Amino acid sequence: MHIMISRYAGAAGMTAEAAPKAQHGLVPILKDQPGFYGYAAFGSEQGDIVSVSVWESGTAAAEARPKIGEWVSGNLAGLSQPTERFLGDVGPHAMATPQSGGSAQSLYCMVRKAENLPSTAIQQPVVEEMLATTQKVPGFRGAYWLRSADDQTRGASVLFFDNREHAWEAHETALAVMNKHQPNVSVRVAASGQTAVLAMA
């Protein structure tokens, strides 16, 4: 699996306008793309619009980008190019089945960034322990860990929960595991908020 995270700085105020357009225009295009697994977008508590898309592979994501970009450019003025894009192949992950109650149900999404990661061989057992603790928190819907395709010392994780309280509880629980085993790794919440668009293959 492969994840692409896009951030549009300072654009959270556009969420109410952009979300219905994306739900009715972009989502059908995404679902028609080979290798599409899921998509979420939200106006973050940090003031940005953030989107997360999950794909079968990096190749599938790359091949879909031109069609996605064409739709965004033509329908969402001001959001044609993200301020920041983070992508990489997924490592340890898990999701509840079903992940949500359907198209009408939103989830709370949290995107975390990690710096100063050790090698995958060293990091993997710690991430697996973090994932195990995250799954035990009530309201768990999904969690994905990935490393940057551009810089292997940087990583990200994406959590989906039923509400804000449970997501932050899971964050604190997982952070305690990281601090215990690898205190030199820096982890911060880069974006968090209730999804305005949520779609699964």
N, C-alpha and C. Protein backbone atom coordinates (compact mmCIF):
# COMPACT_ATOMS: atom_id res chain seq x y z
N MET A 1 0.83 -1.20 0.00
CA MET A 1 0.00 0.00 0.00
C MET A 1 0.87 1.25 0.00
N HIS A 2 0.27 2.34 -0.44
CA HIS A 2 0.97 3.61 -0.57
C HIS A 2 0.02 4.73 -0.14
N ILE A 3 0.55 5.71 0.59
CA ILE A 3 -0.27 6.82 1.06
C ILE A 3 0.31 8.14 0.56
N MET A 4 -0.59 9.05 0.17
CA MET A 4 -0.18 10.40 -0.19
C MET A 4 -0.96 11.38 0.68
N ILE A 5 -0.23 12.23 1.39
CA ILE A 5 -0.83 13.24 2.26
C ILE A 5 -0.54 14.61 1.66
N SER A 6 -1.58 15.40 1.44
CA SER A 6 -1.42 16.74 0.88
C SER A 6 -1.96 17.76 1.86
N ARG A 7 -1.20 18.86 2.03
CA ARG A 7 -1.62 19.94 2.94
C ARG A 7 -1.71 21.24 2.18
N TYR A 8 -2.82 21.93 2.37
CA TYR A 8 -3.05 23.24 1.75
C TYR A 8 -3.10 24.26 2.88
N ALA A 9 -1.99 24.95 3.09
CA ALA A 9 -1.82 25.81 4.26
C ALA A 9 -2.85 26.93 4.30
N GLY A 10 -3.45 27.13 5.47
CA GLY A 10 -4.35 28.23 5.70
C GLY A 10 -5.68 28.16 4.99
N ALA A 11 -6.02 27.01 4.41
CA ALA A 11 -7.22 26.91 3.57
C ALA A 11 -8.43 26.31 4.27
N ALA A 12 -8.35 26.11 5.59
CA ALA A 12 -9.45 25.43 6.29
C ALA A 12 -10.79 26.13 6.10
N GLY A 13 -10.76 27.44 5.92
CA GLY A 13 -11.99 28.19 5.73
C GLY A 13 -12.73 27.83 4.45
N MET A 14 -12.05 27.17 3.53
CA MET A 14 -12.68 26.77 2.27
C MET A 14 -13.35 25.40 2.34
N THR A 15 -13.25 24.74 3.48
CA THR A 15 -13.73 23.36 3.60
C THR A 15 -15.21 23.22 3.27
N ALA A 16 -16.04 24.11 3.82
CA ALA A 16 -17.48 23.99 3.62
C ALA A 16 -17.85 24.10 2.15
N GLU A 17 -17.13 24.93 1.42
CA GLU A 17 -17.39 25.09 -0.01
C GLU A 17 -16.82 23.92 -0.82
N ALA A 18 -15.61 23.49 -0.46
CA ALA A 18 -14.89 22.49 -1.25
C ALA A 18 -15.40 21.07 -1.04
N ALA A 19 -15.82 20.75 0.19
CA ALA A 19 -16.18 19.36 0.51
C ALA A 19 -17.31 18.80 -0.36
N PRO A 20 -18.44 19.51 -0.54
CA PRO A 20 -19.50 18.94 -1.38
C PRO A 20 -19.06 18.75 -2.83
N LYS A 21 -18.26 19.69 -3.33
CA LYS A 21 -17.75 19.56 -4.70
C LYS A 21 -16.88 18.31 -4.81
N ALA A 22 -16.01 18.10 -3.83
CA ALA A 22 -15.12 16.93 -3.86
C ALA A 22 -15.91 15.63 -3.72
N GLN A 23 -16.92 15.64 -2.85
CA GLN A 23 -17.70 14.41 -2.62
C GLN A 23 -18.42 13.98 -3.90
N HIS A 24 -18.96 14.96 -4.63
CA HIS A 24 -19.77 14.62 -5.81
C HIS A 24 -18.97 14.60 -7.11
N GLY A 25 -17.81 15.28 -7.13
CA GLY A 25 -17.03 15.35 -8.36
C GLY A 25 -15.74 14.55 -8.33
N LEU A 26 -14.96 14.73 -7.26
CA LEU A 26 -13.66 14.06 -7.18
C LEU A 26 -13.77 12.59 -6.79
N VAL A 27 -14.63 12.30 -5.82
CA VAL A 27 -14.73 10.92 -5.32
C VAL A 27 -15.07 9.91 -6.43
N PRO A 28 -16.03 10.20 -7.32
CA PRO A 28 -16.28 9.23 -8.40
C PRO A 28 -15.07 9.01 -9.29
N ILE A 29 -14.28 10.07 -9.51
CA ILE A 29 -13.06 9.93 -10.32
C ILE A 29 -12.06 9.03 -9.60
N LEU A 30 -11.91 9.25 -8.30
CA LEU A 30 -10.99 8.42 -7.51
C LEU A 30 -11.40 6.95 -7.57
N LYS A 31 -12.68 6.70 -7.41
CA LYS A 31 -13.15 5.31 -7.37
C LYS A 31 -12.98 4.60 -8.71
N ASP A 32 -12.84 5.38 -9.78
CA ASP A 32 -12.63 4.79 -11.10
C ASP A 32 -11.15 4.48 -11.38
N GLN A 33 -10.26 4.95 -10.50
CA GLN A 33 -8.83 4.76 -10.74
C GLN A 33 -8.37 3.38 -10.25
N PRO A 34 -7.60 2.67 -11.06
CA PRO A 34 -7.06 1.37 -10.63
C PRO A 34 -6.20 1.54 -9.38
N GLY A 35 -6.39 0.66 -8.42
CA GLY A 35 -5.55 0.67 -7.23
C GLY A 35 -5.98 1.64 -6.15
N PHE A 36 -7.14 2.28 -6.31
CA PHE A 36 -7.63 3.21 -5.28
C PHE A 36 -8.20 2.44 -4.10
N TYR A 37 -7.79 2.82 -2.88
CA TYR A 37 -8.28 2.16 -1.67
C TYR A 37 -9.13 3.07 -0.80
N GLY A 38 -8.75 4.36 -0.69
CA GLY A 38 -9.51 5.23 0.19
C GLY A 38 -9.05 6.67 0.12
N TYR A 39 -9.94 7.58 0.56
CA TYR A 39 -9.65 9.01 0.52
C TYR A 39 -10.36 9.71 1.67
N ALA A 40 -9.67 10.63 2.31
CA ALA A 40 -10.27 11.46 3.36
C ALA A 40 -9.74 12.87 3.22
N ALA A 41 -10.59 13.85 3.49
CA ALA A 41 -10.17 15.25 3.47
C ALA A 41 -10.87 15.98 4.60
N PHE A 42 -10.18 16.95 5.19
CA PHE A 42 -10.76 17.68 6.31
C PHE A 42 -10.09 19.04 6.47
N GLY A 43 -10.86 19.97 7.05
CA GLY A 43 -10.30 21.24 7.48
C GLY A 43 -9.70 21.02 8.86
N SER A 44 -8.40 21.15 8.98
CA SER A 44 -7.73 20.77 10.23
C SER A 44 -7.88 21.82 11.32
N GLU A 45 -7.74 21.38 12.55
CA GLU A 45 -7.75 22.28 13.69
C GLU A 45 -6.55 23.23 13.66
N GLN A 46 -5.56 22.88 12.84
CA GLN A 46 -4.37 23.71 12.68
C GLN A 46 -4.56 24.78 11.59
N GLY A 47 -5.72 24.78 10.92
CA GLY A 47 -6.04 25.83 9.97
C GLY A 47 -5.83 25.51 8.51
N ASP A 48 -5.50 24.26 8.20
CA ASP A 48 -5.23 23.86 6.82
C ASP A 48 -6.32 22.93 6.29
N ILE A 49 -6.33 22.72 5.00
CA ILE A 49 -7.06 21.59 4.42
C ILE A 49 -6.05 20.48 4.19
N VAL A 50 -6.40 19.28 4.62
CA VAL A 50 -5.50 18.13 4.48
C VAL A 50 -6.26 16.99 3.81
N SER A 51 -5.63 16.34 2.86
CA SER A 51 -6.23 15.16 2.24
C SER A 51 -5.27 13.98 2.37
N VAL A 52 -5.86 12.82 2.53
CA VAL A 52 -5.10 11.57 2.65
C VAL A 52 -5.69 10.58 1.66
N SER A 53 -4.87 10.08 0.76
CA SER A 53 -5.35 9.06 -0.17
C SER A 53 -4.51 7.80 -0.04
N VAL A 54 -5.18 6.66 -0.10
CA VAL A 54 -4.54 5.36 0.09
C VAL A 54 -4.66 4.57 -1.22
N TRP A 55 -3.53 4.01 -1.65
CA TRP A 55 -3.47 3.33 -2.94
C TRP A 55 -2.82 1.96 -2.80
N GLU A 56 -3.04 1.16 -3.80
CA GLU A 56 -2.43 -0.17 -3.83
C GLU A 56 -0.91 -0.07 -3.90
N SER A 57 -0.42 0.93 -4.64
CA SER A 57 1.03 1.09 -4.83
C SER A 57 1.35 2.53 -5.19
N GLY A 58 2.63 2.87 -5.14
CA GLY A 58 3.07 4.18 -5.57
C GLY A 58 2.80 4.42 -7.04
N THR A 59 2.90 3.37 -7.83
CA THR A 59 2.62 3.47 -9.26
C THR A 59 1.16 3.84 -9.50
N ALA A 60 0.25 3.20 -8.78
CA ALA A 60 -1.17 3.50 -8.93
C ALA A 60 -1.46 4.95 -8.56
N ALA A 61 -0.84 5.42 -7.48
CA ALA A 61 -1.04 6.81 -7.05
C ALA A 61 -0.50 7.78 -8.10
N ALA A 62 0.68 7.49 -8.62
CA ALA A 62 1.30 8.38 -9.61
C ALA A 62 0.48 8.44 -10.89
N GLU A 63 -0.04 7.31 -11.32
CA GLU A 63 -0.82 7.28 -12.56
C GLU A 63 -2.16 8.01 -12.42
N ALA A 64 -2.68 8.08 -11.20
CA ALA A 64 -3.97 8.75 -10.98
C ALA A 64 -3.81 10.27 -10.81
N ARG A 65 -2.63 10.72 -10.46
CA ARG A 65 -2.45 12.14 -10.13
C ARG A 65 -2.83 13.11 -11.24
N PRO A 66 -2.52 12.85 -12.51
CA PRO A 66 -2.92 13.80 -13.56
C PRO A 66 -4.42 14.04 -13.62
N LYS A 67 -5.22 12.97 -13.52
CA LYS A 67 -6.68 13.12 -13.57
C LYS A 67 -7.20 13.86 -12.34
N ILE A 68 -6.61 13.53 -11.19
CA ILE A 68 -7.02 14.22 -9.95
C ILE A 68 -6.66 15.70 -10.05
N GLY A 69 -5.44 15.98 -10.50
CA GLY A 69 -4.99 17.36 -10.63
C GLY A 69 -5.84 18.17 -11.59
N GLU A 70 -6.24 17.53 -12.68
CA GLU A 70 -7.07 18.21 -13.68
C GLU A 70 -8.42 18.60 -13.07
N TRP A 71 -9.01 17.68 -12.31
CA TRP A 71 -10.31 17.99 -11.70
C TRP A 71 -10.17 19.10 -10.67
N VAL A 72 -9.15 19.01 -9.80
CA VAL A 72 -8.96 20.02 -8.75
C VAL A 72 -8.73 21.40 -9.38
N SER A 73 -7.89 21.47 -10.39
CA SER A 73 -7.60 22.76 -11.04
C SER A 73 -8.85 23.39 -11.65
N GLY A 74 -9.73 22.54 -12.17
CA GLY A 74 -10.92 23.04 -12.82
C GLY A 74 -12.09 23.33 -11.89
N ASN A 75 -12.02 22.81 -10.65
CA ASN A 75 -13.17 22.93 -9.77
C ASN A 75 -12.92 23.55 -8.41
N LEU A 76 -11.67 23.57 -7.98
CA LEU A 76 -11.36 24.11 -6.66
C LEU A 76 -10.26 25.17 -6.79
N ALA A 77 -10.66 26.36 -7.16
CA ALA A 77 -9.70 27.46 -7.32
C ALA A 77 -8.96 27.70 -6.01
N GLY A 78 -7.65 27.82 -6.10
CA GLY A 78 -6.83 28.05 -4.92
C GLY A 78 -6.30 26.79 -4.27
N LEU A 79 -6.74 25.63 -4.75
CA LEU A 79 -6.28 24.36 -4.17
C LEU A 79 -5.60 23.48 -5.21
N SER A 80 -5.14 24.07 -6.30
CA SER A 80 -4.58 23.26 -7.37
C SER A 80 -3.24 22.64 -7.01
N GLN A 81 -2.45 23.33 -6.18
CA GLN A 81 -1.15 22.79 -5.78
C GLN A 81 -1.01 22.81 -4.26
N PRO A 82 -0.76 21.67 -3.64
CA PRO A 82 -0.61 21.65 -2.18
C PRO A 82 0.65 22.38 -1.72
N THR A 83 0.57 22.93 -0.52
CA THR A 83 1.73 23.57 0.10
C THR A 83 2.79 22.53 0.42
N GLU A 84 2.33 21.35 0.79
CA GLU A 84 3.23 20.26 1.18
C GLU A 84 2.62 18.94 0.77
N ARG A 85 3.46 18.04 0.30
CA ARG A 85 3.01 16.68 -0.04
C ARG A 85 3.96 15.68 0.61
N PHE A 86 3.40 14.68 1.27
CA PHE A 86 4.19 13.65 1.94
C PHE A 86 3.68 12.31 1.44
N LEU A 87 4.57 11.49 0.91
CA LEU A 87 4.12 10.19 0.40
C LEU A 87 5.14 9.10 0.70
N GLY A 88 4.64 7.89 0.78
CA GLY A 88 5.51 6.76 1.04
C GLY A 88 4.72 5.46 1.10
N ASP A 89 5.45 4.37 1.10
CA ASP A 89 4.83 3.04 1.19
C ASP A 89 4.45 2.74 2.64
N VAL A 90 3.33 2.09 2.80
CA VAL A 90 2.79 1.78 4.12
C VAL A 90 3.53 0.60 4.74
N GLY A 91 3.86 0.75 6.02
CA GLY A 91 4.43 -0.34 6.80
C GLY A 91 3.33 -0.98 7.64
N PRO A 92 3.56 -1.12 8.95
CA PRO A 92 2.51 -1.70 9.80
C PRO A 92 1.22 -0.88 9.72
N HIS A 93 0.10 -1.59 9.66
CA HIS A 93 -1.19 -0.91 9.55
C HIS A 93 -2.30 -1.88 9.96
N ALA A 94 -3.45 -1.32 10.25
CA ALA A 94 -4.63 -2.12 10.58
C ALA A 94 -5.86 -1.25 10.40
N MET A 95 -6.98 -1.87 10.12
CA MET A 95 -8.23 -1.12 10.04
C MET A 95 -9.38 -1.97 10.53
N ALA A 96 -10.37 -1.29 11.11
CA ALA A 96 -11.57 -1.98 11.56
C ALA A 96 -12.44 -2.26 10.34
N THR A 97 -13.27 -3.26 10.45
CA THR A 97 -14.19 -3.60 9.36
C THR A 97 -15.61 -3.63 9.89
N PRO A 98 -16.51 -2.76 9.37
CA PRO A 98 -16.20 -1.72 8.39
C PRO A 98 -15.46 -0.56 9.04
N GLN A 99 -14.75 0.21 8.23
CA GLN A 99 -13.97 1.31 8.80
C GLN A 99 -14.89 2.44 9.27
N SER A 100 -16.01 2.63 8.60
CA SER A 100 -16.99 3.61 9.05
C SER A 100 -18.39 3.04 8.80
N GLY A 101 -19.38 3.81 9.21
CA GLY A 101 -20.75 3.34 9.07
C GLY A 101 -21.36 3.65 7.72
N GLY A 102 -20.55 4.12 6.78
CA GLY A 102 -21.07 4.44 5.45
C GLY A 102 -20.70 5.85 5.05
N SER A 103 -21.17 6.24 3.88
CA SER A 103 -20.77 7.53 3.31
C SER A 103 -21.24 8.71 4.14
N ALA A 104 -22.27 8.54 4.96
CA ALA A 104 -22.80 9.64 5.75
C ALA A 104 -22.03 9.84 7.05
N GLN A 105 -21.19 8.90 7.42
CA GLN A 105 -20.47 8.98 8.69
C GLN A 105 -19.06 9.49 8.48
N SER A 106 -18.73 10.55 9.18
CA SER A 106 -17.36 11.04 9.13
C SER A 106 -16.55 10.39 10.26
N LEU A 107 -15.24 10.49 10.16
CA LEU A 107 -14.34 9.99 11.19
C LEU A 107 -13.40 11.11 11.60
N TYR A 108 -12.79 10.96 12.75
CA TYR A 108 -11.78 11.91 13.19
C TYR A 108 -10.43 11.40 12.70
N CYS A 109 -9.70 12.25 12.00
CA CYS A 109 -8.41 11.86 11.42
C CYS A 109 -7.28 12.64 12.06
N MET A 110 -6.21 11.95 12.36
CA MET A 110 -5.00 12.59 12.90
C MET A 110 -3.80 12.17 12.07
N VAL A 111 -3.04 13.16 11.62
CA VAL A 111 -1.80 12.92 10.87
C VAL A 111 -0.63 13.36 11.73
N ARG A 112 0.29 12.44 11.97
CA ARG A 112 1.47 12.75 12.78
C ARG A 112 2.72 12.63 11.93
N LYS A 113 3.70 13.48 12.20
CA LYS A 113 4.99 13.45 11.51
C LYS A 113 6.07 13.02 12.50
N ALA A 114 7.02 12.24 12.01
CA ALA A 114 8.12 11.76 12.83
C ALA A 114 9.45 12.13 12.17
N GLU A 115 10.41 12.52 12.97
CA GLU A 115 11.75 12.88 12.50
C GLU A 115 12.79 12.04 13.22
N ASN A 116 13.94 11.86 12.58
CA ASN A 116 15.07 11.16 13.18
C ASN A 116 14.80 9.68 13.39
N LEU A 117 14.11 9.06 12.43
CA LEU A 117 13.81 7.63 12.54
C LEU A 117 15.06 6.79 12.33
N PRO A 118 15.21 5.71 13.10
CA PRO A 118 16.29 4.76 12.84
C PRO A 118 15.92 3.86 11.66
N SER A 119 16.74 2.87 11.38
CA SER A 119 16.47 1.96 10.27
C SER A 119 15.17 1.21 10.48
N THR A 120 14.60 0.71 9.40
CA THR A 120 13.34 -0.03 9.47
C THR A 120 13.47 -1.24 10.39
N ALA A 121 14.60 -1.92 10.33
CA ALA A 121 14.80 -3.11 11.16
C ALA A 121 14.70 -2.77 12.65
N ILE A 122 15.21 -1.62 13.03
CA ILE A 122 15.17 -1.19 14.43
C ILE A 122 13.79 -0.64 14.78
N GLN A 123 13.20 0.08 13.86
CA GLN A 123 11.94 0.76 14.12
C GLN A 123 10.72 -0.15 14.11
N GLN A 124 10.75 -1.17 13.28
CA GLN A 124 9.56 -2.01 13.06
C GLN A 124 8.94 -2.56 14.34
N PRO A 125 9.71 -3.16 15.25
CA PRO A 125 9.08 -3.71 16.46
C PRO A 125 8.40 -2.64 17.31
N VAL A 126 8.96 -1.44 17.33
CA VAL A 126 8.37 -0.35 18.10
C VAL A 126 7.05 0.09 17.48
N VAL A 127 7.04 0.22 16.16
CA VAL A 127 5.81 0.62 15.46
C VAL A 127 4.73 -0.45 15.65
N GLU A 128 5.12 -1.70 15.60
CA GLU A 128 4.14 -2.78 15.80
C GLU A 128 3.54 -2.73 17.20
N GLU A 129 4.36 -2.37 18.19
CA GLU A 129 3.84 -2.23 19.55
C GLU A 129 2.91 -1.02 19.64
N MET A 130 3.28 0.08 18.96
CA MET A 130 2.43 1.26 18.93
C MET A 130 1.08 0.94 18.27
N LEU A 131 1.13 0.19 17.19
CA LEU A 131 -0.10 -0.19 16.50
C LEU A 131 -0.99 -1.04 17.39
N ALA A 132 -0.39 -1.97 18.11
CA ALA A 132 -1.15 -2.85 19.00
C ALA A 132 -1.85 -2.05 20.10
N THR A 133 -1.15 -1.07 20.67
CA THR A 133 -1.78 -0.25 21.72
C THR A 133 -2.86 0.65 21.13
N THR A 134 -2.64 1.15 19.92
CA THR A 134 -3.62 2.01 19.27
C THR A 134 -4.92 1.27 19.01
N GLN A 135 -4.82 0.01 18.59
CA GLN A 135 -6.01 -0.79 18.28
C GLN A 135 -6.86 -1.07 19.52
N LYS A 136 -6.25 -0.98 20.70
CA LYS A 136 -6.98 -1.28 21.94
C LYS A 136 -7.81 -0.10 22.43
N VAL A 137 -7.56 1.08 21.88
CA VAL A 137 -8.31 2.27 22.31
C VAL A 137 -9.71 2.21 21.71
N PRO A 138 -10.75 2.52 22.50
CA PRO A 138 -12.12 2.51 21.97
C PRO A 138 -12.25 3.43 20.76
N GLY A 139 -13.11 3.03 19.84
CA GLY A 139 -13.37 3.87 18.68
C GLY A 139 -12.36 3.75 17.56
N PHE A 140 -11.45 2.78 17.65
CA PHE A 140 -10.43 2.60 16.60
C PHE A 140 -11.08 2.26 15.27
N ARG A 141 -10.63 2.95 14.19
CA ARG A 141 -11.13 2.66 12.85
C ARG A 141 -10.01 2.34 11.86
N GLY A 142 -8.81 2.88 12.10
CA GLY A 142 -7.71 2.57 11.19
C GLY A 142 -6.43 3.28 11.60
N ALA A 143 -5.30 2.69 11.25
CA ALA A 143 -4.00 3.30 11.53
C ALA A 143 -2.98 2.82 10.51
N TYR A 144 -2.19 3.76 10.01
CA TYR A 144 -1.20 3.46 8.97
C TYR A 144 0.11 4.15 9.30
N TRP A 145 1.22 3.43 9.21
CA TRP A 145 2.55 4.01 9.40
C TRP A 145 3.30 3.96 8.08
N LEU A 146 4.02 5.04 7.77
CA LEU A 146 4.79 5.07 6.53
C LEU A 146 6.06 5.89 6.71
N ARG A 147 7.04 5.61 5.83
CA ARG A 147 8.26 6.41 5.76
C ARG A 147 8.22 7.27 4.51
N SER A 148 8.87 8.42 4.57
CA SER A 148 8.93 9.30 3.42
C SER A 148 9.67 8.62 2.28
N ALA A 149 9.12 8.74 1.08
CA ALA A 149 9.80 8.19 -0.10
C ALA A 149 11.07 8.97 -0.41
N ASP A 150 11.15 10.20 0.09
CA ASP A 150 12.29 11.07 -0.21
C ASP A 150 13.37 11.05 0.86
N ASP A 151 12.99 10.75 2.10
CA ASP A 151 13.93 10.81 3.22
C ASP A 151 13.54 9.75 4.23
N GLN A 152 14.31 8.68 4.32
CA GLN A 152 13.97 7.54 5.17
C GLN A 152 14.06 7.83 6.67
N THR A 153 14.60 8.99 7.05
CA THR A 153 14.64 9.35 8.47
C THR A 153 13.35 10.06 8.89
N ARG A 154 12.46 10.32 7.92
CA ARG A 154 11.19 10.99 8.21
C ARG A 154 10.03 10.03 7.97
N GLY A 155 9.04 10.13 8.80
CA GLY A 155 7.89 9.26 8.65
C GLY A 155 6.61 9.97 9.00
N ALA A 156 5.51 9.27 8.81
CA ALA A 156 4.20 9.80 9.17
C ALA A 156 3.31 8.65 9.59
N SER A 157 2.28 8.98 10.33
CA SER A 157 1.26 7.99 10.66
C SER A 157 -0.09 8.67 10.56
N VAL A 158 -1.08 7.91 10.17
CA VAL A 158 -2.44 8.42 9.99
C VAL A 158 -3.37 7.56 10.84
N LEU A 159 -4.11 8.21 11.73
CA LEU A 159 -5.05 7.50 12.59
C LEU A 159 -6.48 7.90 12.23
N PHE A 160 -7.39 6.94 12.27
CA PHE A 160 -8.82 7.21 12.10
C PHE A 160 -9.55 6.66 13.32
N PHE A 161 -10.33 7.53 13.95
CA PHE A 161 -11.12 7.14 15.13
C PHE A 161 -12.53 7.69 15.01
N ASP A 162 -13.40 7.20 15.87
CA ASP A 162 -14.79 7.64 15.84
C ASP A 162 -14.95 9.07 16.34
N ASN A 163 -14.04 9.53 17.22
CA ASN A 163 -14.15 10.90 17.71
C ASN A 163 -12.79 11.43 18.17
N ARG A 164 -12.76 12.72 18.46
CA ARG A 164 -11.52 13.41 18.83
C ARG A 164 -10.92 12.85 20.11
N GLU A 165 -11.74 12.62 21.12
CA GLU A 165 -11.25 12.16 22.42
C GLU A 165 -10.49 10.84 22.28
N HIS A 166 -11.05 9.90 21.55
CA HIS A 166 -10.39 8.60 21.40
C HIS A 166 -9.11 8.71 20.57
N ALA A 167 -9.11 9.56 19.55
CA ALA A 167 -7.91 9.73 18.73
C ALA A 167 -6.75 10.28 19.56
N TRP A 168 -7.04 11.28 20.37
CA TRP A 168 -5.97 11.86 21.18
C TRP A 168 -5.51 10.90 22.28
N GLU A 169 -6.43 10.09 22.79
CA GLU A 169 -6.03 9.06 23.75
C GLU A 169 -5.08 8.07 23.09
N ALA A 170 -5.39 7.67 21.87
CA ALA A 170 -4.52 6.74 21.14
C ALA A 170 -3.16 7.37 20.86
N HIS A 171 -3.18 8.66 20.51
CA HIS A 171 -1.92 9.36 20.26
C HIS A 171 -1.03 9.33 21.50
N GLU A 172 -1.59 9.68 22.64
CA GLU A 172 -0.80 9.72 23.87
C GLU A 172 -0.28 8.32 24.24
N THR A 173 -1.10 7.31 24.03
CA THR A 173 -0.71 5.94 24.34
C THR A 173 0.44 5.49 23.45
N ALA A 174 0.33 5.76 22.16
CA ALA A 174 1.39 5.38 21.22
C ALA A 174 2.66 6.18 21.46
N LEU A 175 2.50 7.46 21.80
CA LEU A 175 3.66 8.31 22.06
C LEU A 175 4.45 7.81 23.26
N ALA A 176 3.75 7.29 24.27
CA ALA A 176 4.42 6.75 25.45
C ALA A 176 5.29 5.56 25.06
N VAL A 177 4.81 4.73 24.14
CA VAL A 177 5.61 3.59 23.66
C VAL A 177 6.85 4.08 22.94
N MET A 178 6.69 5.07 22.06
CA MET A 178 7.83 5.62 21.33
C MET A 178 8.86 6.22 22.29
N ASN A 179 8.39 7.02 23.25
CA ASN A 179 9.31 7.68 24.17
C ASN A 179 10.06 6.67 25.05
N LYS A 180 9.42 5.56 25.32
CA LYS A 180 10.06 4.51 26.13
C LYS A 180 11.20 3.85 25.37
N HIS A 181 10.98 3.52 24.11
CA HIS A 181 11.95 2.76 23.34
C HIS A 181 12.91 3.63 22.53
N GLN A 182 12.41 4.74 21.99
CA GLN A 182 13.22 5.57 21.10
C GLN A 182 12.98 7.05 21.37
N PRO A 183 13.50 7.53 22.51
CA PRO A 183 13.24 8.92 22.90
C PRO A 183 13.85 9.95 21.95
N ASN A 184 14.78 9.55 21.11
CA ASN A 184 15.40 10.49 20.18
C ASN A 184 14.52 10.78 18.96
N VAL A 185 13.49 9.96 18.76
CA VAL A 185 12.57 10.20 17.64
C VAL A 185 11.57 11.29 18.04
N SER A 186 11.45 12.29 17.19
CA SER A 186 10.53 13.39 17.44
C SER A 186 9.20 13.13 16.72
N VAL A 187 8.10 13.20 17.46
CA VAL A 187 6.77 12.98 16.89
C VAL A 187 5.89 14.18 17.22
N ARG A 188 5.18 14.69 16.21
CA ARG A 188 4.26 15.81 16.45
C ARG A 188 2.98 15.59 15.65
N VAL A 189 1.90 16.14 16.14
CA VAL A 189 0.64 16.10 15.40
C VAL A 189 0.68 17.22 14.37
N ALA A 190 0.66 16.85 13.10
CA ALA A 190 0.74 17.84 12.03
C ALA A 190 -0.64 18.32 11.60
N ALA A 191 -1.65 17.47 11.73
CA ALA A 191 -3.01 17.83 11.33
C ALA A 191 -4.00 16.92 12.04
N SER A 192 -5.14 17.50 12.40
CA SER A 192 -6.18 16.70 13.04
C SER A 192 -7.52 17.38 12.82
N GLY A 193 -8.56 16.57 12.64
CA GLY A 193 -9.88 17.14 12.44
C GLY A 193 -10.89 16.10 11.97
N GLN A 194 -12.14 16.51 11.96
CA GLN A 194 -13.23 15.65 11.54
C GLN A 194 -13.30 15.64 10.02
N THR A 195 -13.37 14.44 9.42
CA THR A 195 -13.36 14.36 7.96
C THR A 195 -14.62 15.01 7.37
N ALA A 196 -14.39 15.79 6.31
CA ALA A 196 -15.50 16.41 5.58
C ALA A 196 -15.84 15.59 4.34
N VAL A 197 -14.84 14.84 3.86
CA VAL A 197 -15.03 13.91 2.74
C VAL A 197 -14.39 12.58 3.14
N LEU A 198 -15.11 11.51 2.96
CA LEU A 198 -14.58 10.18 3.30
C LEU A 198 -15.10 9.19 2.26
N ALA A 199 -14.18 8.50 1.61
CA ALA A 199 -14.58 7.55 0.58
C ALA A 199 -13.67 6.35 0.59
N MET A 200 -14.23 5.18 0.38
CA MET A 200 -13.46 3.95 0.33
C MET A 200 -13.80 3.19 -0.95
N ALA A 201 -12.85 2.43 -1.42
CA ALA A 201 -13.05 1.68 -2.67
C ALA A 201 -14.19 0.68 -2.51
